[in-house]
PDB file of N, CA and C in Angstrom:
ATOM      1  N   MET A   1       0.817  -1.178  -0.005  1.00  0.00           N
ATOM      2  CA  MET A   1       0.013  -0.160  -0.015  1.00  0.00           C
ATOM      3  C   MET A   1       0.784   1.308  -0.075  1.00  0.00           C
ATOM      4  N   SER A   2       1.876   1.222   0.834  1.00  0.00           N
ATOM      5  CA  SER A   2       2.806   2.435   0.789  1.00  0.00           C
ATOM      6  C   SER A   2       3.449   2.678  -0.597  1.00  0.00           C
ATOM      7  N   GLU A   3       3.845   1.660  -1.269  1.00  0.00           N
ATOM      8  CA  GLU A   3       4.443   1.798  -2.535  1.00  0.00           C
ATOM      9  C   GLU A   3       3.516   2.483  -3.501  1.00  0.00           C
ATOM     10  N   LEU A   4       2.244   2.155  -3.494  1.00  0.00           N
ATOM     11  CA  LEU A   4       1.259   2.577  -4.290  1.00  0.00           C
ATOM     12  C   LEU A   4       1.063   4.259  -4.072  1.00  0.00           C
ATOM     13  N   ILE A   5       1.065   4.530  -2.818  1.00  0.00           N
ATOM     14  CA  ILE A   5       1.051   6.012  -2.401  1.00  0.00           C
ATOM     15  C   ILE A   5       2.291   6.720  -2.940  1.00  0.00           C
ATOM     16  N   ASP A   6       3.487   6.123  -2.754  1.00  0.00           N
ATOM     17  CA  ASP A   6       4.674   6.666  -3.175  1.00  0.00           C
ATOM     18  C   ASP A   6       4.636   6.755  -4.572  1.00  0.00           C
ATOM     19  N   ASN A   7       4.299   5.975  -5.314  1.00  0.00           N
ATOM     20  CA  ASN A   7       4.109   6.044  -6.866  1.00  0.00           C
ATOM     21  C   ASN A   7       3.241   7.254  -7.328  1.00  0.00           C
ATOM     22  N   VAL A   8       2.084   7.491  -6.687  1.00  0.00           N
ATOM     23  CA  VAL A   8       1.215   8.543  -6.842  1.00  0.00           C
ATOM     24  C   VAL A   8       1.886  10.011  -6.787  1.00  0.00           C
ATOM     25  N   PHE A   9       2.680   9.989  -5.705  1.00  0.00           N
ATOM     26  CA  PHE A   9       3.169  11.308  -5.442  1.00  0.00           C
ATOM     27  C   PHE A   9       4.407  11.538  -6.245  1.00  0.00           C
ATOM     28  N   THR A  10       5.120  10.603  -6.732  1.00  0.00           N
ATOM     29  CA  THR A  10       6.291  10.785  -7.526  1.00  0.00           C
ATOM     30  C   THR A  10       6.107  10.565  -8.969  1.00  0.00           C
ATOM     31  N   GLN A  11       4.873  10.419  -9.405  1.00  0.00           N
ATOM     32  CA  GLN A  11       4.575  10.332 -10.864  1.00  0.00           C
ATOM     33  C   GLN A  11       4.922  11.650 -11.598  1.00  0.00           C
ATOM     34  N   VAL A  12       5.333  11.685 -12.842  1.00  0.00           N
ATOM     35  CA  VAL A  12       5.551  12.860 -13.619  1.00  0.00           C
ATOM     36  C   VAL A  12       4.231  13.377 -14.094  1.00  0.00           C
ATOM     37  N   VAL A  13       4.031  14.632 -13.897  1.00  0.00           N
ATOM     38  CA  VAL A  13       2.822  15.284 -14.424  1.00  0.00           C
ATOM     39  C   VAL A  13       3.082  15.895 -15.814  1.00  0.00           C
ATOM     40  N   ASP A  14       2.207  15.922 -16.674  1.00  0.00           N
ATOM     41  CA  ASP A  14       2.323  16.604 -18.013  1.00  0.00           C
ATOM     42  C   ASP A  14       2.532  18.022 -17.846  1.00  0.00           C
ATOM     43  N   PRO A  15       3.625  18.763 -18.416  1.00  0.00           N
ATOM     44  CA  PRO A  15       3.774  20.178 -18.240  1.00  0.00           C
ATOM     45  C   PRO A  15       2.446  21.110 -18.392  1.00  0.00           C
ATOM     46  N   SER A  16       1.666  20.597 -19.323  1.00  0.00           N
ATOM     47  CA  SER A  16       0.476  21.385 -19.636  1.00  0.00           C
ATOM     48  C   SER A  16      -0.663  21.324 -18.396  1.00  0.00           C
ATOM     49  N   GLN A  17      -0.401  20.204 -17.615  1.00  0.00           N
ATOM     50  CA  GLN A  17      -1.282  20.173 -16.436  1.00  0.00           C
ATOM     51  C   GLN A  17      -0.632  20.827 -15.154  1.00  0.00           C
ATOM     52  N   GLN A  18       0.423  21.335 -15.234  1.00  0.00           N
ATOM     53  CA  GLN A  18       1.074  21.979 -13.927  1.00  0.00           C
ATOM     54  C   GLN A  18       0.404  23.362 -13.781  1.00  0.00           C
ATOM     55  N   VAL A  19       0.245  23.569 -12.468  1.00  0.00           N
ATOM     56  CA  VAL A  19      -0.425  24.772 -12.096  1.00  0.00           C
ATOM     57  C   VAL A  19       0.522  25.841 -11.431  1.00  0.00           C
ATOM     58  N   ASN A  20       0.114  26.969 -11.152  1.00  0.00           N
ATOM     59  CA  ASN A  20       0.919  28.001 -10.562  1.00  0.00           C
ATOM     60  C   ASN A  20       0.849  27.724  -9.055  1.00  0.00           C
ATOM     61  N   LEU A  21       1.880  28.241  -8.341  1.00  0.00           N
ATOM     62  CA  LEU A  21       1.794  28.207  -6.909  1.00  0.00           C
ATOM     63  C   LEU A  21       0.715  29.130  -6.332  1.00  0.00           C
ATOM     64  N   PRO A  22       0.199  28.915  -5.297  1.00  0.00           N
ATOM     65  CA  PRO A  22      -0.862  29.862  -4.685  1.00  0.00           C
ATOM     66  C   PRO A  22      -0.136  31.137  -4.499  1.00  0.00           C
ATOM     67  N   ASN A  23      -0.742  32.235  -4.928  1.00  0.00           N
ATOM     68  CA  ASN A  23      -0.371  33.645  -4.673  1.00  0.00           C
ATOM     69  C   ASN A  23       1.126  33.974  -5.181  1.00  0.00           C
ATOM     70  N   ASP A  24       1.537  33.337  -6.183  1.00  0.00           N
ATOM     71  CA  ASP A  24       2.955  33.727  -6.796  1.00  0.00           C
ATOM     72  C   ASP A  24       3.022  35.089  -7.166  1.00  0.00           C
ATOM     73  N   ARG A  25       2.046  35.543  -7.992  1.00  0.00           N
ATOM     74  CA  ARG A  25       2.006  36.913  -8.461  1.00  0.00           C
ATOM     75  C   ARG A  25       2.045  37.995  -7.290  1.00  0.00           C
ATOM     76  N   GLY A  26       1.260  37.515  -6.315  1.00  0.00           N
ATOM     77  CA  GLY A  26       1.064  38.534  -5.138  1.00  0.00           C
ATOM     78  C   GLY A  26       2.345  38.565  -4.426  1.00  0.00           C
ATOM     79  N   VAL A  27       3.052  37.497  -4.157  1.00  0.00           N
ATOM     80  CA  VAL A  27       4.467  37.507  -3.342  1.00  0.00           C
ATOM     81  C   VAL A  27       5.300  38.404  -4.216  1.00  0.00           C
ATOM     82  N   PHE A  28       5.397  38.253  -5.627  1.00  0.00           N
ATOM     83  CA  PHE A  28       6.298  39.034  -6.349  1.00  0.00           C
ATOM     84  C   PHE A  28       5.927  40.605  -6.290  1.00  0.00           C
ATOM     85  N   LEU A  29       4.675  40.887  -6.401  1.00  0.00           N
ATOM     86  CA  LEU A  29       4.390  42.213  -6.400  1.00  0.00           C
ATOM     87  C   LEU A  29       4.634  43.012  -4.897  1.00  0.00           C
ATOM     88  N   LYS A  30       4.227  42.122  -3.813  1.00  0.00           N
ATOM     89  CA  LYS A  30       4.563  42.615  -2.555  1.00  0.00           C
ATOM     90  C   LYS A  30       5.969  42.912  -2.347  1.00  0.00           C
ATOM     91  N   GLY A  31       6.813  41.923  -2.904  1.00  0.00           N
ATOM     92  CA  GLY A  31       8.305  42.236  -2.803  1.00  0.00           C
ATOM     93  C   GLY A  31       8.660  43.495  -3.495  1.00  0.00           C
ATOM     94  N   LEU A  32       8.095  43.697  -4.749  1.00  0.00           N
ATOM     95  CA  LEU A  32       8.461  44.854  -5.467  1.00  0.00           C
ATOM     96  C   LEU A  32       8.119  46.000  -4.876  1.00  0.00           C
ATOM     97  N   PHE A  33       6.843  46.170  -4.325  1.00  0.00           N
ATOM     98  CA  PHE A  33       6.320  47.294  -3.671  1.00  0.00           C
ATOM     99  C   PHE A  33       7.003  47.565  -2.423  1.00  0.00           C
ATOM    100  N   ALA A  34       7.500  46.498  -1.658  1.00  0.00           N
ATOM    101  CA  ALA A  34       8.281  46.608  -0.350  1.00  0.00           C
ATOM    102  C   ALA A  34       9.622  47.296  -0.699  1.00  0.00           C
ATOM    103  N   LEU A  35      10.139  47.015  -1.843  1.00  0.00           N
ATOM    104  CA  LEU A  35      11.627  47.433  -2.204  1.00  0.00           C
ATOM    105  C   LEU A  35      11.295  48.951  -2.515  1.00  0.00           C
ATOM    106  N   ILE A  36      10.164  49.309  -3.289  1.00  0.00           N
ATOM    107  CA  ILE A  36       9.903  50.724  -3.617  1.00  0.00           C
ATOM    108  C   ILE A  36       9.683  51.615  -2.384  1.00  0.00           C
ATOM    109  N   PHE A  37       8.946  50.905  -1.443  1.00  0.00           N
ATOM    110  CA  PHE A  37       8.639  51.890  -0.234  1.00  0.00           C
ATOM    111  C   PHE A  37       9.819  51.715   0.795  1.00  0.00           C
ATOM    112  N   PHE A  38      10.782  50.882   0.587  1.00  0.00           N
ATOM    113  CA  PHE A  38      11.974  51.038   1.376  1.00  0.00           C
ATOM    114  C   PHE A  38      12.878  52.069   0.806  1.00  0.00           C
ATOM    115  N   ILE A  39      12.939  52.313  -0.370  1.00  0.00           N
ATOM    116  CA  ILE A  39      13.732  53.326  -1.101  1.00  0.00           C
ATOM    117  C   ILE A  39      13.114  54.735  -0.921  1.00  0.00           C
ATOM    118  N   VAL A  40      11.728  54.899  -1.046  1.00  0.00           N
ATOM    119  CA  VAL A  40      11.141  56.149  -0.679  1.00  0.00           C
ATOM    120  C   VAL A  40      10.666  56.135   0.767  1.00  0.00           C
ATOM    121  N   PRO A  41      10.509  57.397   1.376  1.00  0.00           N
ATOM    122  CA  PRO A  41      10.065  57.319   2.705  1.00  0.00           C
ATOM    123  C   PRO A  41       8.644  56.623   2.962  1.00  0.00           C
ATOM    124  N   GLY A  42       8.729  55.499   3.154  1.00  0.00           N
ATOM    125  CA  GLY A  42       7.415  54.704   3.593  1.00  0.00           C
ATOM    126  C   GLY A  42       7.744  53.403   4.125  1.00  0.00           C
ATOM    127  N   PHE A  43       8.664  53.426   5.077  1.00  0.00           N
ATOM    128  CA  PHE A  43       9.202  52.135   5.610  1.00  0.00           C
ATOM    129  C   PHE A  43       8.143  51.323   6.365  1.00  0.00           C
ATOM    130  N   MET A  44       7.316  51.973   7.086  1.00  0.00           N
ATOM    131  CA  MET A  44       6.222  51.334   7.793  1.00  0.00           C
ATOM    132  C   MET A  44       5.279  50.357   6.868  1.00  0.00           C
ATOM    133  N   ILE A  45       5.012  50.922   5.683  1.00  0.00           N
ATOM    134  CA  ILE A  45       4.188  50.239   4.689  1.00  0.00           C
ATOM    135  C   ILE A  45       5.080  48.971   4.270  1.00  0.00           C
ATOM    136  N   ALA A  46       6.404  49.449   3.928  1.00  0.00           N
ATOM    137  CA  ALA A  46       7.386  48.358   3.530  1.00  0.00           C
ATOM    138  C   ALA A  46       7.622  47.301   4.465  1.00  0.00           C
ATOM    139  N   LEU A  47       7.701  47.564   5.787  1.00  0.00           N
ATOM    140  CA  LEU A  47       7.781  46.434   6.754  1.00  0.00           C
ATOM    141  C   LEU A  47       6.510  45.616   6.843  1.00  0.00           C
ATOM    142  N   ILE A  48       5.333  46.068   6.615  1.00  0.00           N
ATOM    143  CA  ILE A  48       4.152  45.441   6.637  1.00  0.00           C
ATOM    144  C   ILE A  48       4.025  44.502   5.399  1.00  0.00           C
ATOM    145  N   LEU A  49       4.424  44.983   4.141  1.00  0.00           N
ATOM    146  CA  LEU A  49       4.558  44.246   3.022  1.00  0.00           C
ATOM    147  C   LEU A  49       5.593  42.986   3.068  1.00  0.00           C
ATOM    148  N   THR A  50       6.539  43.433   3.668  1.00  0.00           N
ATOM    149  CA  THR A  50       7.644  42.348   3.992  1.00  0.00           C
ATOM    150  C   THR A  50       7.145  41.223   4.669  1.00  0.00           C
ATOM    151  N   LYS A  51       6.457  41.515   5.848  1.00  0.00           N
ATOM    152  CA  LYS A  51       5.964  40.434   6.628  1.00  0.00           C
ATOM    153  C   LYS A  51       4.781  39.727   5.860  1.00  0.00           C
ATOM    154  N   MET A  52       4.006  40.275   5.180  1.00  0.00           N
ATOM    155  CA  MET A  52       3.074  39.556   4.236  1.00  0.00           C
ATOM    156  C   MET A  52       3.717  38.741   3.194  1.00  0.00           C
ATOM    157  N   CYS A  53       4.831  39.305   2.681  1.00  0.00           N
ATOM    158  CA  CYS A  53       5.496  38.556   1.547  1.00  0.00           C
ATOM    159  C   CYS A  53       6.033  37.295   2.144  1.00  0.00           C
ATOM    160  N   PHE A  54       6.752  37.419   3.256  1.00  0.00           N
ATOM    161  CA  PHE A  54       7.343  36.287   3.950  1.00  0.00           C
ATOM    162  C   PHE A  54       6.493  35.135   4.270  1.00  0.00           C
ATOM    163  N   ASP A  55       5.398  35.722   4.822  1.00  0.00           N
ATOM    164  CA  ASP A  55       4.394  34.607   5.165  1.00  0.00           C
ATOM    165  C   ASP A  55       3.764  33.906   4.059  1.00  0.00           C
ATOM    166  N   ASP A  56       3.246  34.744   2.922  1.00  0.00           N
ATOM    167  CA  ASP A  56       2.640  34.032   1.686  1.00  0.00           C
ATOM    168  C   ASP A  56       3.741  33.115   1.008  1.00  0.00           C
ATOM    169  N   SER A  57       5.004  33.585   1.022  1.00  0.00           N
ATOM    170  CA  SER A  57       6.063  32.786   0.336  1.00  0.00           C
ATOM    171  C   SER A  57       6.391  31.614   1.142  1.00  0.00           C
ATOM    172  N   LYS A  58       6.333  31.613   2.375  1.00  0.00           N
ATOM    173  CA  LYS A  58       6.415  30.321   3.202  1.00  0.00           C
ATOM    174  C   LYS A  58       5.351  29.274   2.933  1.00  0.00           C
ATOM    175  N   ILE A  59       4.215  29.830   2.862  1.00  0.00           N
ATOM    176  CA  ILE A  59       3.138  28.757   2.460  1.00  0.00           C
ATOM    177  C   ILE A  59       3.326  28.293   1.008  1.00  0.00           C
ATOM    178  N   ALA A  60       3.650  29.164   0.108  1.00  0.00           N
ATOM    179  CA  ALA A  60       3.989  28.610  -1.287  1.00  0.00           C
ATOM    180  C   ALA A  60       5.001  27.720  -1.339  1.00  0.00           C
ATOM    181  N   LEU A  61       6.066  27.779  -0.682  1.00  0.00           N
ATOM    182  CA  LEU A  61       7.196  27.054  -0.750  1.00  0.00           C
ATOM    183  C   LEU A  61       7.161  25.709  -0.085  1.00  0.00           C
ATOM    184  N   GLU A  62       6.290  25.769   1.009  1.00  0.00           N
ATOM    185  CA  GLU A  62       5.914  24.593   1.624  1.00  0.00           C
ATOM    186  C   GLU A  62       5.049  23.586   0.759  1.00  0.00           C
ATOM    187  N   SER A  63       4.066  24.097  -0.024  1.00  0.00           N
ATOM    188  CA  SER A  63       3.262  23.337  -0.960  1.00  0.00           C
ATOM    189  C   SER A  63       4.232  22.864  -2.143  1.00  0.00           C
ATOM    190  N   TYR A  64       5.044  23.631  -2.577  1.00  0.00           N
ATOM    191  CA  TYR A  64       6.016  23.277  -3.463  1.00  0.00           C
ATOM    192  C   TYR A  64       6.908  22.221  -3.051  1.00  0.00           C
ATOM    193  N   ASN A  65       7.519  22.172  -1.917  1.00  0.00           N
ATOM    194  CA  ASN A  65       8.329  21.169  -1.318  1.00  0.00           C
ATOM    195  C   ASN A  65       7.483  19.826  -1.259  1.00  0.00           C
ATOM    196  N   LYS A  66       6.268  19.845  -0.955  1.00  0.00           N
ATOM    197  CA  LYS A  66       5.413  18.626  -0.857  1.00  0.00           C
ATOM    198  C   LYS A  66       5.399  17.891  -2.205  1.00  0.00           C
ATOM    199  N   ALA A  67       5.149  18.731  -3.294  1.00  0.00           N
ATOM    200  CA  ALA A  67       4.839  18.191  -4.574  1.00  0.00           C
ATOM    201  C   ALA A  67       5.481  19.018  -5.798  1.00  0.00           C
ATOM    202  N   PRO A  68       6.646  19.064  -5.885  1.00  0.00           N
ATOM    203  CA  PRO A  68       7.301  19.987  -6.885  1.00  0.00           C
ATOM    204  C   PRO A  68       6.901  19.585  -8.333  1.00  0.00           C
ATOM    205  N   HIS A  69       6.567  18.512  -8.561  1.00  0.00           N
ATOM    206  CA  HIS A  69       6.099  18.128 -10.076  1.00  0.00           C
ATOM    207  C   HIS A  69       4.845  18.644 -10.469  1.00  0.00           C
ATOM    208  N   LEU A  70       3.978  19.147  -9.410  1.00  0.00           N
ATOM    209  CA  LEU A  70       2.642  19.640  -9.851  1.00  0.00           C
ATOM    210  C   LEU A  70       2.791  21.216 -10.161  1.00  0.00           C
ATOM    211  N   TYR A  71       3.886  21.945 -10.038  1.00  0.00           N
ATOM    212  CA  TYR A  71       3.903  23.394 -10.122  1.00  0.00           C
ATOM    213  C   TYR A  71       4.897  23.749 -11.213  1.00  0.00           C
ATOM    214  N   LYS A  72       4.520  24.891 -11.781  1.00  0.00           N
ATOM    215  CA  LYS A  72       5.340  25.394 -12.915  1.00  0.00           C
ATOM    216  C   LYS A  72       6.639  26.013 -12.333  1.00  0.00           C
ATOM    217  N   GLU A  73       7.762  25.883 -13.104  1.00  0.00           N
ATOM    218  CA  GLU A  73       9.065  26.478 -12.762  1.00  0.00           C
ATOM    219  C   GLU A  73       8.970  27.976 -12.747  1.00  0.00           C
ATOM    220  N   SER A  74       8.125  28.548 -13.745  1.00  0.00           N
ATOM    221  CA  SER A  74       7.970  30.114 -13.646  1.00  0.00           C
ATOM    222  C   SER A  74       7.225  30.583 -12.385  1.00  0.00           C
ATOM    223  N   SER A  75       6.437  29.647 -11.819  1.00  0.00           N
ATOM    224  CA  SER A  75       5.737  30.115 -10.639  1.00  0.00           C
ATOM    225  C   SER A  75       6.821  30.126  -9.400  1.00  0.00           C
ATOM    226  N   ILE A  76       7.670  29.025  -9.174  1.00  0.00           N
ATOM    227  CA  ILE A  76       8.513  29.102  -8.089  1.00  0.00           C
ATOM    228  C   ILE A  76       9.586  30.264  -8.458  1.00  0.00           C
ATOM    229  N   SER A  77       9.830  30.585  -9.505  1.00  0.00           N
ATOM    230  CA  SER A  77      10.823  31.706 -10.029  1.00  0.00           C
ATOM    231  C   SER A  77      10.201  32.924  -9.372  1.00  0.00           C
ATOM    232  N   LYS A  78       8.947  33.313  -9.656  1.00  0.00           N
ATOM    233  CA  LYS A  78       8.264  34.467  -9.187  1.00  0.00           C
ATOM    234  C   LYS A  78       8.356  34.648  -7.660  1.00  0.00           C
ATOM    235  N   ILE A  79       8.106  33.361  -6.943  1.00  0.00           N
ATOM    236  CA  ILE A  79       8.248  33.315  -5.300  1.00  0.00           C
ATOM    237  C   ILE A  79       9.717  33.872  -5.003  1.00  0.00           C
ATOM    238  N   LYS A  80      10.642  33.151  -5.682  1.00  0.00           N
ATOM    239  CA  LYS A  80      12.019  33.363  -5.265  1.00  0.00           C
ATOM    240  C   LYS A  80      12.476  34.987  -5.597  1.00  0.00           C
ATOM    241  N   LYS A  81      11.959  35.366  -6.733  1.00  0.00           N
ATOM    242  CA  LYS A  81      12.248  36.794  -6.956  1.00  0.00           C
ATOM    243  C   LYS A  81      11.672  37.756  -6.023  1.00  0.00           C
ATOM    244  N   GLY A  82      10.350  37.418  -5.618  1.00  0.00           N
ATOM    245  CA  GLY A  82       9.658  38.387  -4.678  1.00  0.00           C
ATOM    246  C   GLY A  82      10.496  38.276  -3.400  1.00  0.00           C
ATOM    247  N   ARG A  83      10.956  37.164  -2.952  1.00  0.00           N
ATOM    248  CA  ARG A  83      11.664  37.146  -1.812  1.00  0.00           C
ATOM    249  C   ARG A  83      13.097  37.849  -1.885  1.00  0.00           C
ATOM    250  N   MET A  84      13.681  37.694  -3.123  1.00  0.00           N
ATOM    251  CA  MET A  84      15.061  38.526  -3.349  1.00  0.00           C
ATOM    252  C   MET A  84      14.797  39.815  -3.233  1.00  0.00           C
ATOM    253  N   LEU A  85      13.693  40.439  -3.695  1.00  0.00           N
ATOM    254  CA  LEU A  85      13.416  41.903  -3.798  1.00  0.00           C
ATOM    255  C   LEU A  85      13.204  42.384  -2.410  1.00  0.00           C
ATOM    256  N   VAL A  86      12.501  41.521  -1.503  1.00  0.00           N
ATOM    257  CA  VAL A  86      12.315  41.901  -0.081  1.00  0.00           C
ATOM    258  C   VAL A  86      13.816  42.064   0.523  1.00  0.00           C
ATOM    259  N   TYR A  87      14.634  40.998   0.337  1.00  0.00           N
ATOM    260  CA  TYR A  87      15.959  41.002   0.878  1.00  0.00           C
ATOM    261  C   TYR A  87      16.703  42.170   0.500  1.00  0.00           C
ATOM    262  N   ILE A  88      16.630  42.653  -0.605  1.00  0.00           N
ATOM    263  CA  ILE A  88      17.355  43.794  -1.159  1.00  0.00           C
ATOM    264  C   ILE A  88      16.770  45.045  -0.464  1.00  0.00           C
ATOM    265  N   GLY A  89      15.512  45.107  -0.467  1.00  0.00           N
ATOM    266  CA  GLY A  89      14.827  46.284   0.266  1.00  0.00           C
ATOM    267  C   GLY A  89      15.257  46.375   1.746  1.00  0.00           C
ATOM    268  N   LEU A  90      15.222  45.158   2.376  1.00  0.00           N
ATOM    269  CA  LEU A  90      15.814  45.358   3.745  1.00  0.00           C
ATOM    270  C   LEU A  90      17.196  45.745   3.796  1.00  0.00           C
ATOM    271  N   GLY A  91      17.999  45.276   2.997  1.00  0.00           N
ATOM    272  CA  GLY A  91      19.354  45.722   3.084  1.00  0.00           C
ATOM    273  C   GLY A  91      19.515  47.328   2.667  1.00  0.00           C
ATOM    274  N   VAL A  92      18.699  47.891   1.847  1.00  0.00           N
ATOM    275  CA  VAL A  92      18.517  49.182   1.536  1.00  0.00           C
ATOM    276  C   VAL A  92      18.043  49.990   2.771  1.00  0.00           C
ATOM    277  N   PHE A  93      17.204  49.308   3.486  1.00  0.00           N
ATOM    278  CA  PHE A  93      16.685  49.966   4.711  1.00  0.00           C
ATOM    279  C   PHE A  93      17.635  50.136   5.700  1.00  0.00           C
ATOM    280  N   VAL A  94      18.525  49.130   5.905  1.00  0.00           N
ATOM    281  CA  VAL A  94      19.459  48.961   6.974  1.00  0.00           C
ATOM    282  C   VAL A  94      20.507  50.121   6.475  1.00  0.00           C
ATOM    283  N   PHE A  95      20.960  50.168   5.381  1.00  0.00           N
ATOM    284  CA  PHE A  95      21.892  51.147   4.873  1.00  0.00           C
ATOM    285  C   PHE A  95      21.473  52.482   5.117  1.00  0.00           C
ATOM    286  N   GLU A  96      20.122  52.845   4.772  1.00  0.00           N
ATOM    287  CA  GLU A  96      19.566  54.153   4.900  1.00  0.00           C
ATOM    288  C   GLU A  96      19.485  54.535   6.563  1.00  0.00           C
ATOM    289  N   THR A  97      19.137  53.597   7.410  1.00  0.00           N
ATOM    290  CA  THR A  97      19.229  53.734   8.781  1.00  0.00           C
ATOM    291  C   THR A  97      20.561  54.115   9.307  1.00  0.00           C
ATOM    292  N   ILE A  98      21.636  53.369   8.916  1.00  0.00           N
ATOM    293  CA  ILE A  98      22.898  53.624   9.334  1.00  0.00           C
ATOM    294  C   ILE A  98      23.473  54.984   9.017  1.00  0.00           C
ATOM    295  N   VAL A  99      23.140  55.388   7.723  1.00  0.00           N
ATOM    296  CA  VAL A  99      23.506  56.698   7.192  1.00  0.00           C
ATOM    297  C   VAL A  99      22.794  57.649   7.870  1.00  0.00           C
ATOM    298  N   PHE A 100      21.466  57.508   8.176  1.00  0.00           N
ATOM    299  CA  PHE A 100      20.702  58.483   8.821  1.00  0.00           C
ATOM    300  C   PHE A 100      21.243  58.861  10.366  1.00  0.00           C
ATOM    301  N   LEU A 101      21.430  57.665  10.965  1.00  0.00           N
ATOM    302  CA  LEU A 101      22.064  57.726  12.384  1.00  0.00           C
ATOM    303  C   LEU A 101      23.448  58.324  12.329  1.00  0.00           C
ATOM    304  N   GLY A 102      24.265  57.949  11.328  1.00  0.00           N
ATOM    305  CA  GLY A 102      25.429  58.658  11.241  1.00  0.00           C
ATOM    306  C   GLY A 102      25.480  60.183  11.205  1.00  0.00           C
ATOM    307  N   TYR A 103      24.563  60.524  10.388  1.00  0.00           N
ATOM    308  CA  TYR A 103      24.300  61.864   9.998  1.00  0.00           C
ATOM    309  C   TYR A 103      23.770  62.677  11.220  1.00  0.00           C
ATOM    310  N   LEU A 104      22.942  62.099  12.118  1.00  0.00           N
ATOM    311  CA  LEU A 104      22.588  62.645  13.285  1.00  0.00           C
ATOM    312  C   LEU A 104      23.365  62.700  14.380  1.00  0.00           C
ATOM    313  N   SER A 105      24.423  61.862  14.434  1.00  0.00           N
ATOM    314  CA  SER A 105      25.545  61.914  15.409  1.00  0.00           C
ATOM    315  C   SER A 105      26.619  62.934  15.165  1.00  0.00           C
ATOM    316  N   ARG A 106      26.604  63.707  14.132  1.00  0.00           N
ATOM    317  CA  ARG A 106      27.588  64.812  13.886  1.00  0.00           C
ATOM    318  C   ARG A 106      27.532  65.840  14.888  1.00  0.00           C
TER     319      ARG A 106
END
């Protein structure tokens, strides 16, 4: 019985039947807008978008790790790009904060 279940989960799915990960476009857009709001003065909005992006991407990556053959590669790429944009935005935010504090300490 266990072998039958394993075969069902490891079978190859036709690429035309693969679906997108849940909320892949949303994760990418939240990451993009978080980066934009980290650059312009709007870091509170960016922090909220960052949290939402990380939560949504965690859910999507968990479902991808359970059955990677069911999802399109372009979909996982959008999730990874959204997370990358958030990390870049957080780096910019930390840099801006350090420069601002350095400026204030003169």
